[in-house]
Amino acid sequence: KQQPIQNAEGKLRQKNAADEALARAFYLNNIAPNVLDSKTFQLAMQTVAKVDEGYTAPSRNKVGGPMLLEERDRVRNDIKKFSDPVSRFGSTVVSDGATDKCRRPVNNRLDCSPEVVEFVSSRDCTGKVKDKEFIANEVIDYILILPDPFKIVQVLMDNATRGSWPIIEKVCPWVIVGPCEPHVASLEVGDMCKLPFFKNTIKVHCIRRFILTHQKPLAVFKGLGDRMLSVLASTRMATVFYYGLESFAKHLDAVCKTMASREVAEYVRANRAQRATPESKTLLELYNEALGFAQDLSP
């Protein structure tokens, strides 16, 4: 019995020593700690961990010489994969508004070809009036500044920006502007959900959001349900018609017991005034709303 414990303690000491050595290398070589969040760095560490203890890092001459040339050739091949289809078929600009983590309005832009999707830019639009002229000029300026503006053959945007489309097509007559079909389909499904026939989907989303975004209700639910409620899918259609309703129906008994549990009620009482943002509802208001919906849907 002592041997597994000793082995575990030995592995823990080895890991701590490795962590200290890695951290010290970062400190002494002036490397920012956020490099640890880089996916390429994490992949490198995972790859190194698969090698036996005899692994040694390559020399600086190798990294800065032949390995660098190999990486350059690889990048050039990746660019060629993108440029060849573009020269044959042209590319599509996809532009859409969004809100970043700091709640600032931004305008995201992608350049899409048959082989590659390239993220171009995300512009902070704080203080800007996003009318049709502003949106049109954003796209036009990007197209005309390119070395070959004629490579852009299509622009896809949110259907709400329809007023800017004729302006873009007038300045760039070789470009066709239209709506992003998945976006339009998602909005249509959102409108469908407002119909009386789909009223239960609103209740389902409210209850599921309350359980999944609060620690105590989620812990109670996990103790009652043998599986997890499905999270939001990539499209509204998949969320509403498959993941949302089907997953909820499978766990309806556990959901109702969770909402009616004493543990959840006590958690809400202790944090009743808590809000996610100054404008959002309090925890007590969210709980009462979700509890009422759960009572409506309970068998």
Protein backbone atom coordinates (compact mmCIF):
# COMPACT_ATOMS: atom_id res chain seq x y z
CA LYS A 1 0.00 0.00 0.00
CA GLN A 2 2.91 2.32 0.70
CA GLN A 3 4.49 1.77 -2.73
CA PRO A 4 1.71 3.55 -4.78
CA ILE A 5 1.80 6.46 -2.33
CA GLN A 6 5.57 6.74 -2.61
CA ASN A 7 5.35 6.59 -6.41
CA ALA A 8 2.73 9.33 -6.44
CA GLU A 9 4.83 11.50 -4.14
CA GLY A 10 7.88 10.95 -6.34
CA LYS A 11 5.97 11.97 -9.47
CA LEU A 12 4.65 15.05 -7.69
CA ARG A 13 8.20 16.08 -6.71
CA GLN A 14 9.37 15.57 -10.29
CA LYS A 15 6.52 17.71 -11.62
CA ASN A 16 7.18 20.47 -9.11
CA ALA A 17 10.87 20.46 -10.04
CA ALA A 18 9.95 20.63 -13.76
CA ASP A 19 7.53 23.50 -13.10
CA GLU A 20 10.20 25.42 -11.18
CA ALA A 21 12.79 24.88 -13.91
CA LEU A 22 10.39 25.99 -16.62
CA ALA A 23 9.28 29.05 -14.66
CA ARG A 24 12.90 30.01 -13.92
CA ALA A 25 13.74 29.72 -17.64
CA PHE A 26 10.87 32.11 -18.38
CA TYR A 27 11.99 34.61 -15.74
CA LEU A 28 15.67 34.65 -16.65
CA ASN A 29 15.06 34.85 -20.40
CA ASN A 30 12.43 37.58 -20.12
CA ILE A 31 9.65 35.42 -21.63
CA ALA A 32 6.09 36.56 -20.90
CA PRO A 33 4.06 34.03 -18.84
CA ASN A 34 1.14 34.30 -21.28
CA VAL A 35 3.24 32.24 -23.71
CA LEU A 36 2.03 29.28 -21.60
CA ASP A 37 -1.47 29.92 -22.98
CA SER A 38 -0.24 29.59 -26.57
CA LYS A 39 -1.64 26.48 -28.26
CA THR A 40 1.61 26.01 -30.18
CA PHE A 41 3.62 26.09 -26.95
CA GLN A 42 1.25 23.63 -25.26
CA LEU A 43 1.51 21.32 -28.27
CA ALA A 44 5.31 21.59 -28.11
CA MET A 45 5.30 20.63 -24.42
CA GLN A 46 2.99 17.66 -25.08
CA THR A 47 5.25 16.49 -27.90
CA VAL A 48 8.39 16.80 -25.77
CA ALA A 49 6.70 14.88 -22.95
CA LYS A 50 6.26 11.88 -25.26
CA VAL A 51 10.04 11.64 -25.79
CA ASP A 52 12.15 9.67 -23.34
CA GLU A 53 14.33 11.28 -20.68
CA GLY A 54 17.26 11.53 -23.09
CA TYR A 55 15.67 14.37 -25.06
CA THR A 56 17.79 17.49 -25.50
CA ALA A 57 16.68 20.74 -27.10
CA PRO A 58 18.03 21.52 -30.58
CA SER A 59 20.89 23.98 -30.85
CA ARG A 60 20.23 27.62 -31.63
CA ASN A 61 22.03 27.16 -34.95
CA LYS A 62 19.65 24.37 -35.92
CA VAL A 63 16.55 26.29 -34.82
CA GLY A 64 17.70 29.48 -36.55
CA GLY A 65 19.04 27.65 -39.63
CA PRO A 66 17.68 24.49 -41.27
CA MET A 67 14.57 24.25 -39.07
CA LEU A 68 13.70 27.88 -39.82
CA LEU A 69 14.05 27.22 -43.58
CA GLU A 70 11.79 24.17 -43.28
CA GLU A 71 9.17 26.24 -41.44
CA ARG A 72 9.41 28.95 -44.12
CA ASP A 73 8.77 26.37 -46.84
CA ARG A 74 5.83 24.97 -44.91
CA VAL A 75 4.27 28.43 -44.55
CA ARG A 76 4.82 29.12 -48.24
CA ASN A 77 3.03 25.89 -49.12
CA ASP A 78 0.13 26.87 -46.84
CA ILE A 79 -0.08 30.27 -48.56
CA LYS A 80 0.00 28.56 -51.96
CA LYS A 81 -2.98 26.42 -50.93
CA PHE A 82 -4.84 29.65 -50.30
CA SER A 83 -3.63 31.65 -53.29
CA ASP A 84 -4.19 29.00 -55.98
CA PRO A 85 -7.96 28.63 -55.46
CA VAL A 86 -8.28 32.41 -55.07
CA SER A 87 -6.63 32.98 -58.46
CA ARG A 88 -9.10 30.53 -60.03
CA PHE A 89 -12.34 31.27 -58.21
CA GLY A 90 -11.78 34.54 -56.32
CA SER A 91 -12.50 34.98 -52.62
CA THR A 92 -15.39 36.08 -50.42
CA VAL A 93 -15.34 38.76 -47.75
CA VAL A 94 -17.53 37.98 -44.74
CA SER A 95 -18.27 40.97 -42.49
CA ASP A 96 -20.34 40.93 -39.31
CA GLY A 97 -20.78 42.99 -36.18
CA ALA A 98 -20.25 41.56 -32.71
CA THR A 99 -19.46 42.50 -29.10
CA ASP A 100 -16.06 41.62 -27.61
CA LYS A 101 -15.29 40.51 -24.05
CA CYS A 102 -15.08 44.14 -22.92
CA ARG A 103 -18.59 44.76 -24.34
CA ARG A 104 -17.26 46.99 -27.10
CA PRO A 105 -18.95 46.90 -30.51
CA VAL A 106 -16.57 45.47 -33.10
CA ASN A 107 -16.70 44.67 -36.78
CA ASN A 108 -15.11 41.34 -37.71
CA ARG A 109 -13.90 40.56 -41.21
CA LEU A 110 -12.93 37.25 -42.79
CA ASP A 111 -11.51 36.41 -46.21
CA CYS A 112 -12.78 33.03 -47.42
CA SER A 113 -11.67 30.86 -50.33
CA PRO A 114 -12.62 27.26 -51.25
CA GLU A 115 -9.66 26.01 -49.18
CA VAL A 116 -8.93 28.53 -46.43
CA VAL A 117 -10.75 30.91 -44.09
CA GLU A 118 -8.51 33.80 -43.07
CA PHE A 119 -9.36 36.14 -40.18
CA VAL A 120 -8.50 39.61 -41.45
CA SER A 121 -9.36 42.12 -38.74
CA SER A 122 -11.59 43.12 -35.86
CA ARG A 123 -12.19 46.88 -35.66
CA ASP A 124 -13.37 48.66 -32.52
CA CYS A 125 -16.50 50.64 -33.50
CA THR A 126 -17.02 52.40 -30.18
CA GLY A 127 -18.62 55.80 -30.76
CA LYS A 128 -19.30 55.05 -34.42
CA VAL A 129 -22.76 55.19 -35.96
CA LYS A 130 -23.00 51.92 -37.86
CA ASP A 131 -25.29 53.20 -40.62
CA LYS A 132 -25.28 51.94 -44.20
CA GLU A 133 -22.56 54.41 -45.31
CA PHE A 134 -20.22 53.42 -42.46
CA ILE A 135 -20.68 49.69 -43.09
CA ALA A 136 -20.28 50.10 -46.86
CA ASN A 137 -17.11 52.17 -46.50
CA GLU A 138 -15.60 49.59 -44.15
CA VAL A 139 -15.90 46.92 -46.84
CA ILE A 140 -15.02 49.18 -49.79
CA ASP A 141 -11.86 50.49 -48.12
CA TYR A 142 -10.71 46.93 -47.44
CA ILE A 143 -11.33 45.80 -51.03
CA LEU A 144 -9.70 48.79 -52.73
CA ILE A 145 -6.58 48.72 -50.57
CA LEU A 146 -5.76 45.15 -51.67
CA PRO A 147 -2.96 44.64 -54.24
CA ASP A 148 -5.58 42.91 -56.42
CA PRO A 149 -9.07 44.22 -55.56
CA PHE A 150 -10.61 42.07 -58.29
CA LYS A 151 -9.82 38.90 -56.36
CA ILE A 152 -12.84 39.74 -54.16
CA VAL A 153 -15.90 38.50 -56.05
CA GLN A 154 -18.47 38.31 -53.25
CA VAL A 155 -19.34 39.97 -49.95
CA LEU A 156 -21.59 38.26 -47.39
CA MET A 157 -23.08 40.25 -44.52
CA ASP A 158 -25.81 40.33 -41.93
CA ASN A 159 -29.21 40.83 -43.58
CA ALA A 160 -29.70 43.93 -41.41
CA THR A 161 -27.00 45.68 -43.45
CA ARG A 162 -28.99 45.44 -46.70
CA GLY A 163 -28.96 49.23 -47.15
CA SER A 164 -25.18 49.18 -47.64
CA TRP A 165 -25.22 46.56 -50.40
CA PRO A 166 -26.05 48.86 -53.36
CA ILE A 167 -23.33 51.29 -52.25
CA ILE A 168 -20.71 48.52 -52.27
CA GLU A 169 -21.85 47.17 -55.65
CA LYS A 170 -21.80 50.67 -57.17
CA VAL A 171 -18.20 51.37 -56.14
CA CYS A 172 -17.06 47.78 -56.80
CA PRO A 173 -19.31 46.61 -59.67
CA TRP A 174 -17.48 43.30 -60.03
CA VAL A 175 -18.59 42.30 -56.51
CA ILE A 176 -21.89 40.62 -55.62
CA VAL A 177 -23.22 41.37 -52.13
CA GLY A 178 -25.67 39.10 -50.35
CA PRO A 179 -26.76 37.74 -46.96
CA CYS A 180 -24.96 35.07 -45.00
CA GLU A 181 -27.37 32.16 -45.39
CA PRO A 182 -26.69 30.38 -42.06
CA HIS A 183 -27.10 33.72 -40.26
CA VAL A 184 -30.39 34.41 -42.03
CA ALA A 185 -31.62 30.88 -41.30
CA SER A 186 -30.68 31.32 -37.63
CA LEU A 187 -32.66 34.58 -37.44
CA GLU A 188 -35.63 32.89 -39.09
CA VAL A 189 -35.55 30.12 -36.51
CA GLY A 190 -35.38 32.79 -33.81
CA ASP A 191 -38.55 34.34 -35.20
CA MET A 192 -40.19 30.91 -35.35
CA CYS A 193 -39.46 30.42 -31.66
CA LYS A 194 -41.62 33.46 -30.89
CA LEU A 195 -44.70 31.69 -32.24
CA PRO A 196 -47.12 30.16 -29.68
CA PHE A 197 -46.30 26.67 -30.99
CA PHE A 198 -42.70 27.06 -29.76
CA LYS A 199 -43.42 28.78 -26.45
CA ASN A 200 -41.99 25.87 -24.46
CA THR A 201 -38.57 26.37 -26.04
CA ILE A 202 -38.32 29.72 -24.27
CA LYS A 203 -39.04 28.02 -20.96
CA VAL A 204 -36.49 25.29 -21.67
CA HIS A 205 -33.74 27.80 -22.48
CA CYS A 206 -34.49 29.82 -19.34
CA ILE A 207 -34.30 26.79 -17.03
CA ARG A 208 -31.22 25.34 -18.70
CA ARG A 209 -29.40 28.67 -18.59
CA PHE A 210 -30.15 29.02 -14.85
CA ILE A 211 -28.82 25.54 -14.06
CA LEU A 212 -25.72 25.68 -16.25
CA THR A 213 -24.56 29.16 -15.21
CA HIS A 214 -24.87 28.85 -11.42
CA GLN A 215 -22.63 26.60 -9.35
CA LYS A 216 -25.09 25.28 -6.76
CA PRO A 217 -27.95 24.36 -9.15
CA LEU A 218 -25.41 22.68 -11.43
CA ALA A 219 -23.95 20.66 -8.53
CA VAL A 220 -27.43 19.55 -7.42
CA PHE A 221 -28.37 18.58 -10.97
CA LYS A 222 -25.18 16.54 -11.43
CA GLY A 223 -26.10 14.60 -8.30
CA LEU A 224 -29.52 13.75 -9.75
CA GLY A 225 -28.86 13.30 -13.45
CA ASP A 226 -26.68 10.57 -14.92
CA ARG A 227 -25.84 12.76 -17.91
CA MET A 228 -25.19 16.43 -18.53
CA LEU A 229 -27.58 18.85 -20.20
CA SER A 230 -26.36 19.59 -23.70
CA VAL A 231 -24.80 23.03 -24.10
CA LEU A 232 -25.71 25.47 -26.85
CA ALA A 233 -24.93 24.22 -30.34
CA SER A 234 -23.20 26.20 -33.07
CA THR A 235 -26.51 27.25 -34.65
CA ARG A 236 -29.81 28.30 -33.15
CA MET A 237 -31.61 25.64 -35.19
CA ALA A 238 -29.53 22.80 -33.71
CA THR A 239 -29.90 24.27 -30.22
CA VAL A 240 -33.67 24.63 -30.35
CA PHE A 241 -34.74 21.58 -32.31
CA TYR A 242 -32.23 18.99 -31.20
CA TYR A 243 -29.83 19.65 -28.35
CA GLY A 244 -32.17 21.85 -26.37
CA LEU A 245 -35.50 20.04 -26.39
CA GLU A 246 -34.25 16.46 -26.72
CA SER A 247 -31.64 16.75 -23.97
CA PHE A 248 -34.07 18.58 -21.71
CA ALA A 249 -36.76 15.93 -22.21
CA LYS A 250 -34.32 13.17 -21.20
CA HIS A 251 -33.50 14.97 -17.95
CA LEU A 252 -36.89 16.52 -17.15
CA ASP A 253 -37.31 14.71 -13.82
CA ALA A 254 -33.81 15.67 -12.62
CA VAL A 255 -34.33 19.26 -13.80
CA CYS A 256 -37.61 19.65 -11.90
CA LYS A 257 -36.12 18.12 -8.73
CA THR A 258 -33.15 20.46 -9.01
CA MET A 259 -35.31 23.57 -9.26
CA ALA A 260 -37.47 22.45 -6.32
CA SER A 261 -34.55 21.39 -4.09
CA ARG A 262 -33.92 23.02 -0.71
CA GLU A 263 -30.20 23.44 -1.50
CA VAL A 264 -30.96 25.60 -4.54
CA ALA A 265 -33.57 27.64 -2.65
CA GLU A 266 -31.08 28.34 0.17
CA TYR A 267 -28.39 29.29 -2.35
CA VAL A 268 -30.75 31.78 -3.98
CA ARG A 269 -31.77 33.28 -0.63
CA ALA A 270 -28.13 33.82 0.31
CA ASN A 271 -27.33 35.50 -3.02
CA ARG A 272 -30.71 36.92 -3.96
CA ALA A 273 -29.41 40.37 -5.03
CA GLN A 274 -26.56 39.03 -7.18
CA ARG A 275 -26.51 40.25 -10.82
CA ALA A 276 -24.31 39.27 -13.76
CA THR A 277 -24.33 42.90 -14.94
CA PRO A 278 -25.91 46.08 -13.53
CA GLU A 279 -28.66 45.82 -16.17
CA SER A 280 -29.46 42.11 -15.74
CA LYS A 281 -32.05 40.49 -13.48
CA THR A 282 -31.18 39.51 -9.92
CA LEU A 283 -30.52 35.89 -9.03
CA LEU A 284 -33.85 35.78 -7.20
CA GLU A 285 -35.73 37.03 -10.27
CA LEU A 286 -33.98 34.48 -12.51
CA TYR A 287 -34.76 31.71 -10.04
CA ASN A 288 -38.44 32.59 -9.72
CA GLU A 289 -38.76 32.74 -13.50
CA ALA A 290 -37.01 29.39 -14.05
CA LEU A 291 -38.90 27.75 -11.15
CA GLY A 292 -42.23 28.85 -12.60
CA PHE A 293 -41.33 27.42 -15.99
CA ALA A 294 -40.17 24.16 -14.40
CA GLN A 295 -43.52 23.84 -12.61
CA ASP A 296 -45.31 24.42 -15.94
CA LEU A 297 -43.29 21.68 -17.65
CA SER A 298 -43.18 19.13 -14.82
CA PRO A 299 -45.05 15.88 -15.56
